[in-house]
PDB file of all heavy atoms in Angstrom:
ATOM      1  N   LEU A   1       0.849  -1.176   0.000  1.00  0.00           N
ATOM      2  CA  LEU A   1       0.000   0.000   0.000  1.00  0.00           C
ATOM      3  C   LEU A   1       0.889   1.231   0.000  1.00  0.00           C
ATOM      4  O   LEU A   1       2.015   1.193   0.503  1.00  0.00           O
ATOM      5  CB  LEU A   1      -0.914   0.048   1.224  1.00  0.00           C
ATOM      6  CG  LEU A   1      -2.109  -0.894   1.292  1.00  0.00           C
ATOM      7  CD1 LEU A   1      -2.761  -0.783   2.669  1.00  0.00           C
ATOM      8  CD2 LEU A   1      -3.121  -0.566   0.209  1.00  0.00           C
ATOM      9  N   ARG A   2       0.377   2.318  -0.541  1.00  0.00           N
ATOM     10  CA  ARG A   2       1.057   3.592  -0.452  1.00  0.00           C
ATOM     11  C   ARG A   2       0.154   4.591   0.239  1.00  0.00           C
ATOM     12  O   ARG A   2      -0.935   4.911  -0.261  1.00  0.00           O
ATOM     13  CB  ARG A   2       1.471   4.124  -1.828  1.00  0.00           C
ATOM     14  CG  ARG A   2       2.352   5.378  -1.725  1.00  0.00           C
ATOM     15  CD  ARG A   2       2.799   5.915  -3.060  1.00  0.00           C
ATOM     16  NE  ARG A   2       1.719   6.553  -3.795  1.00  0.00           N
ATOM     17  CZ  ARG A   2       1.888   7.379  -4.823  1.00  0.00           C
ATOM     18  NH1 ARG A   2       3.119   7.655  -5.247  1.00  0.00           N
ATOM     19  NH2 ARG A   2       0.836   7.887  -5.435  1.00  0.00           N
ATOM     20  N   LEU A   3       0.595   5.066   1.394  1.00  0.00           N
ATOM     21  CA  LEU A   3      -0.132   6.079   2.119  1.00  0.00           C
ATOM     22  C   LEU A   3       0.324   7.460   1.676  1.00  0.00           C
ATOM     23  O   LEU A   3       1.476   7.661   1.302  1.00  0.00           O
ATOM     24  CB  LEU A   3       0.075   5.931   3.624  1.00  0.00           C
ATOM     25  CG  LEU A   3      -0.275   4.570   4.233  1.00  0.00           C
ATOM     26  CD1 LEU A   3      -0.115   4.619   5.750  1.00  0.00           C
ATOM     27  CD2 LEU A   3      -1.679   4.148   3.849  1.00  0.00           C
ATOM     28  N   ARG A   4      -0.574   8.403   1.761  1.00  0.00           N
ATOM     29  CA  ARG A   4      -0.304   9.766   1.351  1.00  0.00           C
ATOM     30  C   ARG A   4      -0.696  10.719   2.465  1.00  0.00           C
ATOM     31  O   ARG A   4      -1.751  10.547   3.087  1.00  0.00           O
ATOM     32  CB  ARG A   4      -1.078  10.083   0.070  1.00  0.00           C
ATOM     33  CG  ARG A   4      -0.877  11.473  -0.481  1.00  0.00           C
ATOM     34  CD  ARG A   4      -1.491  11.589  -1.866  1.00  0.00           C
ATOM     35  NE  ARG A   4      -2.943  11.405  -1.842  1.00  0.00           N
ATOM     36  CZ  ARG A   4      -3.580  10.343  -2.293  1.00  0.00           C
ATOM     37  NH1 ARG A   4      -2.909   9.331  -2.828  1.00  0.00           N
ATOM     38  NH2 ARG A   4      -4.905  10.278  -2.229  1.00  0.00           N
ATOM     39  N   CYS A   5       0.136  11.683   2.730  1.00  0.00           N
ATOM     40  CA  CYS A   5      -0.145  12.728   3.703  1.00  0.00           C
ATOM     41  C   CYS A   5      -0.082  14.065   2.984  1.00  0.00           C
ATOM     42  O   CYS A   5       1.003  14.520   2.607  1.00  0.00           O
ATOM     43  CB  CYS A   5       0.848  12.680   4.861  1.00  0.00           C
ATOM     44  SG  CYS A   5       0.633  13.989   6.080  1.00  0.00           S
ATOM     45  N   GLU A   6      -1.235  14.672   2.804  1.00  0.00           N
ATOM     46  CA  GLU A   6      -1.314  15.966   2.145  1.00  0.00           C
ATOM     47  C   GLU A   6      -1.320  17.075   3.186  1.00  0.00           C
ATOM     48  O   GLU A   6      -2.045  16.995   4.179  1.00  0.00           O
ATOM     49  CB  GLU A   6      -2.564  16.047   1.278  1.00  0.00           C
ATOM     50  CG  GLU A   6      -2.582  15.035   0.144  1.00  0.00           C
ATOM     51  CD  GLU A   6      -3.844  15.107  -0.667  1.00  0.00           C
ATOM     52  OE1 GLU A   6      -4.811  14.410  -0.311  1.00  0.00           O
ATOM     53  OE2 GLU A   6      -3.870  15.871  -1.658  1.00  0.00           O
ATOM     54  N   THR A   7      -0.523  18.091   2.945  1.00  0.00           N
ATOM     55  CA  THR A   7      -0.457  19.237   3.846  1.00  0.00           C
ATOM     56  C   THR A   7      -1.038  20.452   3.139  1.00  0.00           C
ATOM     57  O   THR A   7      -0.899  20.614   1.929  1.00  0.00           O
ATOM     58  CB  THR A   7       0.980  19.539   4.288  1.00  0.00           C
ATOM     59  OG1 THR A   7       1.717  20.114   3.200  1.00  0.00           O
ATOM     60  CG2 THR A   7       1.682  18.262   4.736  1.00  0.00           C
ATOM     61  N   ALA A   8      -1.687  21.316   3.920  1.00  0.00           N
ATOM     62  CA  ALA A   8      -2.287  22.506   3.336  1.00  0.00           C
ATOM     63  C   ALA A   8      -2.482  23.569   4.402  1.00  0.00           C
ATOM     64  O   ALA A   8      -2.787  23.254   5.554  1.00  0.00           O
ATOM     65  CB  ALA A   8      -3.628  22.178   2.689  1.00  0.00           C
ATOM     66  N   GLY A   9      -2.304  24.815   4.010  1.00  0.00           N
ATOM     67  CA  GLY A   9      -2.643  25.931   4.859  1.00  0.00           C
ATOM     68  C   GLY A   9      -1.636  26.288   5.933  1.00  0.00           C
ATOM     69  O   GLY A   9      -1.940  27.113   6.793  1.00  0.00           O
ATOM     70  N   PHE A  10      -0.460  25.711   5.891  1.00  0.00           N
ATOM     71  CA  PHE A  10       0.535  26.002   6.921  1.00  0.00           C
ATOM     72  C   PHE A  10       1.274  27.295   6.598  1.00  0.00           C
ATOM     73  O   PHE A  10       1.669  27.530   5.456  1.00  0.00           O
ATOM     74  CB  PHE A  10       1.521  24.850   7.062  1.00  0.00           C
ATOM     75  CG  PHE A  10       0.920  23.623   7.671  1.00  0.00           C
ATOM     76  CD1 PHE A  10       0.384  22.627   6.877  1.00  0.00           C
ATOM     77  CD2 PHE A  10       0.873  23.481   9.047  1.00  0.00           C
ATOM     78  CE1 PHE A  10      -0.188  21.506   7.437  1.00  0.00           C
ATOM     79  CE2 PHE A  10       0.302  22.357   9.618  1.00  0.00           C
ATOM     80  CZ  PHE A  10      -0.232  21.368   8.809  1.00  0.00           C
ATOM     81  N   THR A  11       1.484  28.099   7.621  1.00  0.00           N
ATOM     82  CA  THR A  11       2.178  29.371   7.465  1.00  0.00           C
ATOM     83  C   THR A  11       3.664  29.273   7.767  1.00  0.00           C
ATOM     84  O   THR A  11       4.395  30.242   7.573  1.00  0.00           O
ATOM     85  CB  THR A  11       1.547  30.439   8.366  1.00  0.00           C
ATOM     86  OG1 THR A  11       1.609  30.018   9.727  1.00  0.00           O
ATOM     87  CG2 THR A  11       0.091  30.664   7.982  1.00  0.00           C
ATOM     88  N   VAL A  12       4.105  28.128   8.251  1.00  0.00           N
ATOM     89  CA  VAL A  12       5.513  27.875   8.515  1.00  0.00           C
ATOM     90  C   VAL A  12       5.933  26.621   7.767  1.00  0.00           C
ATOM     91  O   VAL A  12       5.108  25.735   7.525  1.00  0.00           O
ATOM     92  CB  VAL A  12       5.795  27.721  10.023  1.00  0.00           C
ATOM     93  CG1 VAL A  12       5.484  29.014  10.755  1.00  0.00           C
ATOM     94  CG2 VAL A  12       4.988  26.576  10.604  1.00  0.00           C
ATOM     95  N   PRO A  13       7.198  26.526   7.400  1.00  0.00           N
ATOM     96  CA  PRO A  13       7.654  25.305   6.732  1.00  0.00           C
ATOM     97  C   PRO A  13       7.544  24.101   7.653  1.00  0.00           C
ATOM     98  O   PRO A  13       7.810  24.193   8.852  1.00  0.00           O
ATOM     99  CB  PRO A  13       9.119  25.605   6.388  1.00  0.00           C
ATOM    100  CG  PRO A  13       9.233  27.095   6.423  1.00  0.00           C
ATOM    101  CD  PRO A  13       8.272  27.538   7.484  1.00  0.00           C
ATOM    102  N   LEU A  14       7.140  22.971   7.087  1.00  0.00           N
ATOM    103  CA  LEU A  14       7.072  21.723   7.829  1.00  0.00           C
ATOM    104  C   LEU A  14       8.355  20.956   7.554  1.00  0.00           C
ATOM    105  O   LEU A  14       8.464  20.246   6.550  1.00  0.00           O
ATOM    106  CB  LEU A  14       5.841  20.925   7.430  1.00  0.00           C
ATOM    107  CG  LEU A  14       4.495  21.622   7.671  1.00  0.00           C
ATOM    108  CD1 LEU A  14       3.349  20.754   7.183  1.00  0.00           C
ATOM    109  CD2 LEU A  14       4.321  21.969   9.141  1.00  0.00           C
ATOM    110  N   ARG A  15       9.315  21.093   8.436  1.00  0.00           N
ATOM    111  CA  ARG A  15      10.631  20.509   8.213  1.00  0.00           C
ATOM    112  C   ARG A  15      10.726  19.072   8.680  1.00  0.00           C
ATOM    113  O   ARG A  15      11.650  18.363   8.279  1.00  0.00           O
ATOM    114  CB  ARG A  15      11.696  21.358   8.902  1.00  0.00           C
ATOM    115  CG  ARG A  15      11.816  22.771   8.349  1.00  0.00           C
ATOM    116  CD  ARG A  15      13.005  23.503   8.950  1.00  0.00           C
ATOM    117  NE  ARG A  15      13.178  24.828   8.367  1.00  0.00           N
ATOM    118  CZ  ARG A  15      12.645  25.927   8.864  1.00  0.00           C
ATOM    119  NH1 ARG A  15      11.912  25.881   9.965  1.00  0.00           N
ATOM    120  NH2 ARG A  15      12.847  27.093   8.264  1.00  0.00           N
ATOM    121  N   SER A  16       9.804  18.647   9.514  1.00  0.00           N
ATOM    122  CA  SER A  16       9.837  17.304  10.062  1.00  0.00           C
ATOM    123  C   SER A  16       8.475  16.641   9.893  1.00  0.00           C
ATOM    124  O   SER A  16       7.454  17.189  10.318  1.00  0.00           O
ATOM    125  CB  SER A  16      10.228  17.343  11.544  1.00  0.00           C
ATOM    126  OG  SER A  16      10.398  16.047  12.065  1.00  0.00           O
ATOM    127  N   ILE A  17       8.466  15.481   9.262  1.00  0.00           N
ATOM    128  CA  ILE A  17       7.244  14.706   9.052  1.00  0.00           C
ATOM    129  C   ILE A  17       7.442  13.320   9.665  1.00  0.00           C
ATOM    130  O   ILE A  17       8.466  12.682   9.422  1.00  0.00           O
ATOM    131  CB  ILE A  17       6.903  14.569   7.567  1.00  0.00           C
ATOM    132  CG1 ILE A  17       6.722  15.944   6.910  1.00  0.00           C
ATOM    133  CG2 ILE A  17       5.651  13.710   7.388  1.00  0.00           C
ATOM    134  CD1 ILE A  17       5.488  16.686   7.372  1.00  0.00           C
ATOM    135  N   GLY A  18       6.465  12.875  10.413  1.00  0.00           N
ATOM    136  CA  GLY A  18       6.515  11.545  10.991  1.00  0.00           C
ATOM    137  C   GLY A  18       5.295  10.729  10.634  1.00  0.00           C
ATOM    138  O   GLY A  18       4.196  11.276  10.452  1.00  0.00           O
ATOM    139  N   TRP A  19       5.483   9.439  10.504  1.00  0.00           N
ATOM    140  CA  TRP A  19       4.391   8.489  10.399  1.00  0.00           C
ATOM    141  C   TRP A  19       4.356   7.651  11.671  1.00  0.00           C
ATOM    142  O   TRP A  19       5.392   7.134  12.103  1.00  0.00           O
ATOM    143  CB  TRP A  19       4.544   7.569   9.188  1.00  0.00           C
ATOM    144  CG  TRP A  19       4.179   8.194   7.877  1.00  0.00           C
ATOM    145  CD1 TRP A  19       5.032   8.728   6.956  1.00  0.00           C
ATOM    146  CD2 TRP A  19       2.864   8.321   7.335  1.00  0.00           C
ATOM    147  NE1 TRP A  19       4.331   9.192   5.870  1.00  0.00           N
ATOM    148  CE2 TRP A  19       2.988   8.956   6.078  1.00  0.00           C
ATOM    149  CE3 TRP A  19       1.591   7.978   7.777  1.00  0.00           C
ATOM    150  CZ2 TRP A  19       1.892   9.237   5.267  1.00  0.00           C
ATOM    151  CZ3 TRP A  19       0.502   8.263   6.972  1.00  0.00           C
ATOM    152  CH2 TRP A  19       0.661   8.884   5.733  1.00  0.00           C
ATOM    153  N   PHE A  20       3.185   7.546  12.257  1.00  0.00           N
ATOM    154  CA  PHE A  20       2.955   6.739  13.445  1.00  0.00           C
ATOM    155  C   PHE A  20       1.775   5.823  13.193  1.00  0.00           C
ATOM    156  O   PHE A  20       0.974   6.054  12.286  1.00  0.00           O
ATOM    157  CB  PHE A  20       2.674   7.626  14.661  1.00  0.00           C
ATOM    158  CG  PHE A  20       3.853   8.441  15.119  1.00  0.00           C
ATOM    159  CD1 PHE A  20       4.247   9.576  14.443  1.00  0.00           C
ATOM    160  CD2 PHE A  20       4.571   8.056  16.241  1.00  0.00           C
ATOM    161  CE1 PHE A  20       5.331  10.328  14.857  1.00  0.00           C
ATOM    162  CE2 PHE A  20       5.654   8.798  16.680  1.00  0.00           C
ATOM    163  CZ  PHE A  20       6.035   9.931  15.986  1.00  0.00           C
ATOM    164  N   ARG A  21       1.660   4.791  14.013  1.00  0.00           N
ATOM    165  CA  ARG A  21       0.510   3.904  13.907  1.00  0.00           C
ATOM    166  C   ARG A  21       0.054   3.507  15.306  1.00  0.00           C
ATOM    167  O   ARG A  21       0.819   3.526  16.266  1.00  0.00           O
ATOM    168  CB  ARG A  21       0.826   2.663  13.071  1.00  0.00           C
ATOM    169  CG  ARG A  21       1.893   1.752  13.659  1.00  0.00           C
ATOM    170  CD  ARG A  21       2.280   0.689  12.640  1.00  0.00           C
ATOM    171  NE  ARG A  21       3.250  -0.259  13.175  1.00  0.00           N
ATOM    172  CZ  ARG A  21       3.850  -1.202  12.452  1.00  0.00           C
ATOM    173  NH1 ARG A  21       3.575  -1.316  11.149  1.00  0.00           N
ATOM    174  NH2 ARG A  21       4.719  -2.022  13.026  1.00  0.00           N
ATOM    175  N   GLN A  22      -1.216   3.121  15.389  1.00  0.00           N
ATOM    176  CA  GLN A  22      -1.787   2.790  16.684  1.00  0.00           C
ATOM    177  C   GLN A  22      -2.877   1.744  16.519  1.00  0.00           C
ATOM    178  O   GLN A  22      -3.686   1.816  15.603  1.00  0.00           O
ATOM    179  CB  GLN A  22      -2.359   4.039  17.346  1.00  0.00           C
ATOM    180  CG  GLN A  22      -2.786   3.840  18.781  1.00  0.00           C
ATOM    181  CD  GLN A  22      -3.094   5.157  19.463  1.00  0.00           C
ATOM    182  OE1 GLN A  22      -3.456   6.132  18.817  1.00  0.00           O
ATOM    183  NE2 GLN A  22      -2.938   5.189  20.777  1.00  0.00           N
ATOM    184  N   VAL A  23      -2.868   0.782  17.429  1.00  0.00           N
ATOM    185  CA  VAL A  23      -3.922  -0.220  17.506  1.00  0.00           C
ATOM    186  C   VAL A  23      -4.637  -0.035  18.838  1.00  0.00           C
ATOM    187  O   VAL A  23      -4.064   0.506  19.793  1.00  0.00           O
ATOM    188  CB  VAL A  23      -3.373  -1.645  17.366  1.00  0.00           C
ATOM    189  CG1 VAL A  23      -2.692  -1.823  16.016  1.00  0.00           C
ATOM    190  CG2 VAL A  23      -2.394  -1.963  18.484  1.00  0.00           C
ATOM    191  N   PRO A  24      -5.876  -0.486  18.947  1.00  0.00           N
ATOM    192  CA  PRO A  24      -6.613  -0.305  20.201  1.00  0.00           C
ATOM    193  C   PRO A  24      -5.885  -0.911  21.393  1.00  0.00           C
ATOM    194  O   PRO A  24      -5.367  -2.032  21.327  1.00  0.00           O
ATOM    195  CB  PRO A  24      -7.930  -1.033  19.935  1.00  0.00           C
ATOM    196  CG  PRO A  24      -8.105  -0.958  18.458  1.00  0.00           C
ATOM    197  CD  PRO A  24      -6.714  -1.085  17.895  1.00  0.00           C
ATOM    198  N   GLY A  25      -5.822  -0.145  22.474  1.00  0.00           N
ATOM    199  CA  GLY A  25      -5.202  -0.618  23.695  1.00  0.00           C
ATOM    200  C   GLY A  25      -3.699  -0.480  23.762  1.00  0.00           C
ATOM    201  O   GLY A  25      -3.100  -0.880  24.765  1.00  0.00           O
ATOM    202  N   LYS A  26      -3.080   0.079  22.728  1.00  0.00           N
ATOM    203  CA  LYS A  26      -1.635   0.225  22.707  1.00  0.00           C
ATOM    204  C   LYS A  26      -1.254   1.678  22.462  1.00  0.00           C
ATOM    205  O   LYS A  26      -2.054   2.472  21.962  1.00  0.00           O
ATOM    206  CB  LYS A  26      -1.007  -0.658  21.629  1.00  0.00           C
ATOM    207  CG  LYS A  26      -1.241  -2.146  21.828  1.00  0.00           C
ATOM    208  CD  LYS A  26      -0.544  -2.982  20.773  1.00  0.00           C
ATOM    209  CE  LYS A  26       0.957  -2.942  20.945  1.00  0.00           C
ATOM    210  NZ  LYS A  26       1.647  -3.851  19.981  1.00  0.00           N
ATOM    211  N   GLU A  27      -0.026   2.006  22.827  1.00  0.00           N
ATOM    212  CA  GLU A  27       0.484   3.349  22.612  1.00  0.00           C
ATOM    213  C   GLU A  27       0.723   3.595  21.130  1.00  0.00           C
ATOM    214  O   GLU A  27       0.964   2.662  20.357  1.00  0.00           O
ATOM    215  CB  GLU A  27       1.788   3.551  23.381  1.00  0.00           C
ATOM    216  CG  GLU A  27       1.658   3.450  24.892  1.00  0.00           C
ATOM    217  CD  GLU A  27       0.877   4.607  25.454  1.00  0.00           C
ATOM    218  OE1 GLU A  27       1.048   5.740  24.965  1.00  0.00           O
ATOM    219  OE2 GLU A  27       0.092   4.382  26.386  1.00  0.00           O
ATOM    220  N   ARG A  28       0.652   4.852  20.753  1.00  0.00           N
ATOM    221  CA  ARG A  28       0.971   5.219  19.384  1.00  0.00           C
ATOM    222  C   ARG A  28       2.444   4.923  19.121  1.00  0.00           C
ATOM    223  O   ARG A  28       3.320   5.321  19.890  1.00  0.00           O
ATOM    224  CB  ARG A  28       0.652   6.691  19.147  1.00  0.00           C
ATOM    225  CG  ARG A  28       0.673   7.093  17.691  1.00  0.00           C
ATOM    226  CD  ARG A  28      -0.065   8.409  17.458  1.00  0.00           C
ATOM    227  NE  ARG A  28      -1.493   8.296  17.752  1.00  0.00           N
ATOM    228  CZ  ARG A  28      -2.390   9.236  17.481  1.00  0.00           C
ATOM    229  NH1 ARG A  28      -2.006  10.362  16.906  1.00  0.00           N
ATOM    230  NH2 ARG A  28      -3.663   9.045  17.797  1.00  0.00           N
ATOM    231  N   GLU A  29       2.717   4.241  18.015  1.00  0.00           N
ATOM    232  CA  GLU A  29       4.028   3.695  17.717  1.00  0.00           C
ATOM    233  C   GLU A  29       4.673   4.436  16.552  1.00  0.00           C
ATOM    234  O   GLU A  29       4.052   4.641  15.508  1.00  0.00           O
ATOM    235  CB  GLU A  29       3.906   2.208  17.378  1.00  0.00           C
ATOM    236  CG  GLU A  29       5.200   1.532  16.958  1.00  0.00           C
ATOM    237  CD  GLU A  29       4.978   0.131  16.425  1.00  0.00           C
ATOM    238  OE1 GLU A  29       3.827  -0.196  16.065  1.00  0.00           O
ATOM    239  OE2 GLU A  29       5.950  -0.654  16.380  1.00  0.00           O
ATOM    240  N   PHE A  30       5.930   4.791  16.717  1.00  0.00           N
ATOM    241  CA  PHE A  30       6.689   5.421  15.651  1.00  0.00           C
ATOM    242  C   PHE A  30       6.912   4.452  14.506  1.00  0.00           C
ATOM    243  O   PHE A  30       7.237   3.280  14.717  1.00  0.00           O
ATOM    244  CB  PHE A  30       8.037   5.912  16.180  1.00  0.00           C
ATOM    245  CG  PHE A  30       8.996   6.313  15.104  1.00  0.00           C
ATOM    246  CD1 PHE A  30       8.827   7.507  14.412  1.00  0.00           C
ATOM    247  CD2 PHE A  30      10.065   5.503  14.768  1.00  0.00           C
ATOM    248  CE1 PHE A  30       9.701   7.886  13.412  1.00  0.00           C
ATOM    249  CE2 PHE A  30      10.944   5.867  13.776  1.00  0.00           C
ATOM    250  CZ  PHE A  30      10.763   7.061  13.094  1.00  0.00           C
ATOM    251  N   VAL A  31       6.772   4.946  13.279  1.00  0.00           N
ATOM    252  CA  VAL A  31       6.984   4.137  12.088  1.00  0.00           C
ATOM    253  C   VAL A  31       8.129   4.683  11.242  1.00  0.00           C
ATOM    254  O   VAL A  31       9.070   3.961  10.907  1.00  0.00           O
ATOM    255  CB  VAL A  31       5.703   4.057  11.232  1.00  0.00           C
ATOM    256  CG1 VAL A  31       5.974   3.309   9.931  1.00  0.00           C
ATOM    257  CG2 VAL A  31       4.583   3.388  12.016  1.00  0.00           C
ATOM    258  N   SER A  32       8.049   5.962  10.881  1.00  0.00           N
ATOM    259  CA  SER A  32       9.050   6.541   9.997  1.00  0.00           C
ATOM    260  C   SER A  32       9.086   8.050  10.157  1.00  0.00           C
ATOM    261  O   SER A  32       8.109   8.659  10.591  1.00  0.00           O
ATOM    262  CB  SER A  32       8.750   6.173   8.534  1.00  0.00           C
ATOM    263  OG  SER A  32       9.770   6.622   7.668  1.00  0.00           O
ATOM    264  N   HIS A  33      10.207   8.639   9.787  1.00  0.00           N
ATOM    265  CA  HIS A  33      10.406  10.075   9.900  1.00  0.00           C
ATOM    266  C   HIS A  33      11.157  10.593   8.690  1.00  0.00           C
ATOM    267  O   HIS A  33      12.044   9.912   8.155  1.00  0.00           O
ATOM    268  CB  HIS A  33      11.194  10.406  11.174  1.00  0.00           C
ATOM    269  CG  HIS A  33      11.731  11.811  11.209  1.00  0.00           C
ATOM    270  ND1 HIS A  33      13.035  12.106  10.903  1.00  0.00           N
ATOM    271  CD2 HIS A  33      11.135  12.993  11.516  1.00  0.00           C
ATOM    272  CE1 HIS A  33      13.230  13.412  11.017  1.00  0.00           C
ATOM    273  NE2 HIS A  33      12.081  13.965  11.391  1.00  0.00           N
ATOM    274  N   LEU A  34      10.811  11.807   8.287  1.00  0.00           N
ATOM    275  CA  LEU A  34      11.484  12.496   7.194  1.00  0.00           C
ATOM    276  C   LEU A  34      11.854  13.899   7.626  1.00  0.00           C
ATOM    277  O   LEU A  34      10.997  14.662   8.072  1.00  0.00           O
ATOM    278  CB  LEU A  34      10.581  12.556   5.962  1.00  0.00           C
ATOM    279  CG  LEU A  34      11.035  13.469   4.819  1.00  0.00           C
ATOM    280  CD1 LEU A  34      12.263  12.885   4.129  1.00  0.00           C
ATOM    281  CD2 LEU A  34       9.911  13.684   3.821  1.00  0.00           C
ATOM    282  N   SER A  35      13.133  14.233   7.503  1.00  0.00           N
ATOM    283  CA  SER A  35      13.565  15.619   7.599  1.00  0.00           C
ATOM    284  C   SER A  35      13.416  16.208   6.208  1.00  0.00           C
ATOM    285  O   SER A  35      14.237  15.960   5.325  1.00  0.00           O
ATOM    286  CB  SER A  35      15.014  15.702   8.083  1.00  0.00           C
ATOM    287  OG  SER A  35      15.462  17.040   8.100  1.00  0.00           O
ATOM    288  N   TRP A  36      12.332  16.967   6.020  1.00  0.00           N
ATOM    289  CA  TRP A  36      11.945  17.390   4.686  1.00  0.00           C
ATOM    290  C   TRP A  36      13.031  18.205   3.987  1.00  0.00           C
ATOM    291  O   TRP A  36      13.384  17.945   2.838  1.00  0.00           O
ATOM    292  CB  TRP A  36      10.640  18.194   4.761  1.00  0.00           C
ATOM    293  CG  TRP A  36       9.847  18.205   3.499  1.00  0.00           C
ATOM    294  CD1 TRP A  36      10.310  18.218   2.225  1.00  0.00           C
ATOM    295  CD2 TRP A  36       8.417  18.199   3.399  1.00  0.00           C
ATOM    296  NE1 TRP A  36       9.286  18.227   1.333  1.00  0.00           N
ATOM    297  CE2 TRP A  36       8.095  18.218   2.022  1.00  0.00           C
ATOM    298  CE3 TRP A  36       7.378  18.187   4.337  1.00  0.00           C
ATOM    299  CZ2 TRP A  36       6.794  18.224   1.565  1.00  0.00           C
ATOM    300  CZ3 TRP A  36       6.066  18.189   3.884  1.00  0.00           C
ATOM    301  CH2 TRP A  36       5.786  18.207   2.511  1.00  0.00           C
ATOM    302  N   SER A  37      13.572  19.168   4.688  1.00  0.00           N
ATOM    303  CA  SER A  37      14.551  20.048   4.072  1.00  0.00           C
ATOM    304  C   SER A  37      15.871  19.354   3.809  1.00  0.00           C
ATOM    305  O   SER A  37      16.548  19.662   2.822  1.00  0.00           O
ATOM    306  CB  SER A  37      14.768  21.286   4.947  1.00  0.00           C
ATOM    307  OG  SER A  37      15.244  20.931   6.232  1.00  0.00           O
ATOM    308  N   ARG A  38      16.245  18.430   4.666  1.00  0.00           N
ATOM    309  CA  ARG A  38      17.528  17.741   4.531  1.00  0.00           C
ATOM    310  C   ARG A  38      17.435  16.416   3.796  1.00  0.00           C
ATOM    311  O   ARG A  38      18.460  15.855   3.411  1.00  0.00           O
ATOM    312  CB  ARG A  38      18.163  17.535   5.902  1.00  0.00           C
ATOM    313  CG  ARG A  38      18.555  18.826   6.594  1.00  0.00           C
ATOM    314  CD  ARG A  38      19.509  18.567   7.727  1.00  0.00           C
ATOM    315  NE  ARG A  38      18.829  18.019   8.892  1.00  0.00           N
ATOM    316  CZ  ARG A  38      19.449  17.618   9.999  1.00  0.00           C
ATOM    317  NH1 ARG A  38      20.768  17.703  10.083  1.00  0.00           N
ATOM    318  NH2 ARG A  38      18.751  17.138  11.015  1.00  0.00           N
ATOM    319  N   GLY A  39      16.237  15.904   3.621  1.00  0.00           N
ATOM    320  CA  GLY A  39      16.051  14.653   2.918  1.00  0.00           C
ATOM    321  C   GLY A  39      16.513  13.424   3.669  1.00  0.00           C
ATOM    322  O   GLY A  39      16.730  12.366   3.063  1.00  0.00           O
ATOM    323  N   MET A  40      16.653  13.533   4.972  1.00  0.00           N
ATOM    324  CA  MET A  40      17.076  12.403   5.791  1.00  0.00           C
ATOM    325  C   MET A  40      15.862  11.635   6.280  1.00  0.00           C
ATOM    326  O   MET A  40      14.818  12.215   6.564  1.00  0.00           O
ATOM    327  CB  MET A  40      17.910  12.891   6.968  1.00  0.00           C
ATOM    328  CG  MET A  40      19.170  13.637   6.563  1.00  0.00           C
ATOM    329  SD  MET A  40      20.087  14.307   7.966  1.00  0.00           S
ATOM    330  CE  MET A  40      20.543  12.799   8.816  1.00  0.00           C
ATOM    331  N   THR A  41      16.010  10.327   6.393  1.00  0.00           N
ATOM    332  CA  THR A  41      14.907   9.468   6.791  1.00  0.00           C
ATOM    333  C   THR A  41      15.304   8.548   7.928  1.00  0.00           C
ATOM    334  O   THR A  41      16.478   8.225   8.112  1.00  0.00           O
ATOM    335  CB  THR A  41      14.409   8.624   5.610  1.00  0.00           C
ATOM    336  OG1 THR A  41      15.480   7.812   5.121  1.00  0.00           O
ATOM    337  CG2 THR A  41      13.911   9.522   4.481  1.00  0.00           C
ATOM    338  N   ASN A  42      14.297   8.118   8.675  1.00  0.00           N
ATOM    339  CA  ASN A  42      14.482   7.181   9.773  1.00  0.00           C
ATOM    340  C   ASN A  42      13.306   6.222   9.786  1.00  0.00           C
ATOM    341  O   ASN A  42      12.192   6.572   9.406  1.00  0.00           O
ATOM    342  CB  ASN A  42      14.569   7.911  11.114  1.00  0.00           C
ATOM    343  CG  ASN A  42      15.733   8.879  11.182  1.00  0.00           C
ATOM    344  OD1 ASN A  42      16.849   8.483  11.486  1.00  0.00           O
ATOM    345  ND2 ASN A  42      15.470  10.145  10.888  1.00  0.00           N
ATOM    346  N   TYR A  43      13.569   5.001  10.272  1.00  0.00           N
ATOM    347  CA  TYR A  43      12.544   3.972  10.302  1.00  0.00           C
ATOM    348  C   TYR A  43      12.608   3.192  11.601  1.00  0.00           C
ATOM    349  O   TYR A  43      13.684   2.977  12.167  1.00  0.00           O
ATOM    350  CB  TYR A  43      12.715   2.992   9.141  1.00  0.00           C
ATOM    351  CG  TYR A  43      12.609   3.632   7.791  1.00  0.00           C
ATOM    352  CD1 TYR A  43      13.743   4.106   7.138  1.00  0.00           C
ATOM    353  CD2 TYR A  43      11.381   3.779   7.165  1.00  0.00           C
ATOM    354  CE1 TYR A  43      13.650   4.705   5.893  1.00  0.00           C
ATOM    355  CE2 TYR A  43      11.280   4.380   5.918  1.00  0.00           C
ATOM    356  CZ  TYR A  43      12.419   4.836   5.290  1.00  0.00           C
ATOM    357  OH  TYR A  43      12.319   5.434   4.050  1.00  0.00           O
ATOM    358  N   ALA A  44      11.444   2.754  12.052  1.00  0.00           N
ATOM    359  CA  ALA A  44      11.404   1.804  13.145  1.00  0.00           C
ATOM    360  C   ALA A  44      11.986   0.475  12.684  1.00  0.00           C
ATOM    361  O   ALA A  44      11.880   0.103  11.509  1.00  0.00           O
ATOM    362  CB  ALA A  44       9.971   1.612  13.625  1.00  0.00           C
ATOM    363  N   ASP A  45      12.601  -0.245  13.608  1.00  0.00           N
ATOM    364  CA  ASP A  45      13.191  -1.531  13.251  1.00  0.00           C
ATOM    365  C   ASP A  45      12.169  -2.495  12.658  1.00  0.00           C
ATOM    366  O   ASP A  45      12.502  -3.308  11.789  1.00  0.00           O
ATOM    367  CB  ASP A  45      13.846  -2.164  14.475  1.00  0.00           C
ATOM    368  CG  ASP A  45      15.104  -1.448  14.908  1.00  0.00           C
ATOM    369  OD1 ASP A  45      15.683  -0.705  14.095  1.00  0.00           O
ATOM    370  OD2 ASP A  45      15.524  -1.640  16.065  1.00  0.00           O
TER     371      ASP A  45
END
């Protein structure tokens, strides 16, 4: 699957984007991160 996150209406640059996921009864879990301006990425193991 390919998920999409559309941004709109922000008055400041969004330099950091994260993807998280959550299932019922559990904490929200980090999935992936993008430093938009620098193009650096991070992923959960």
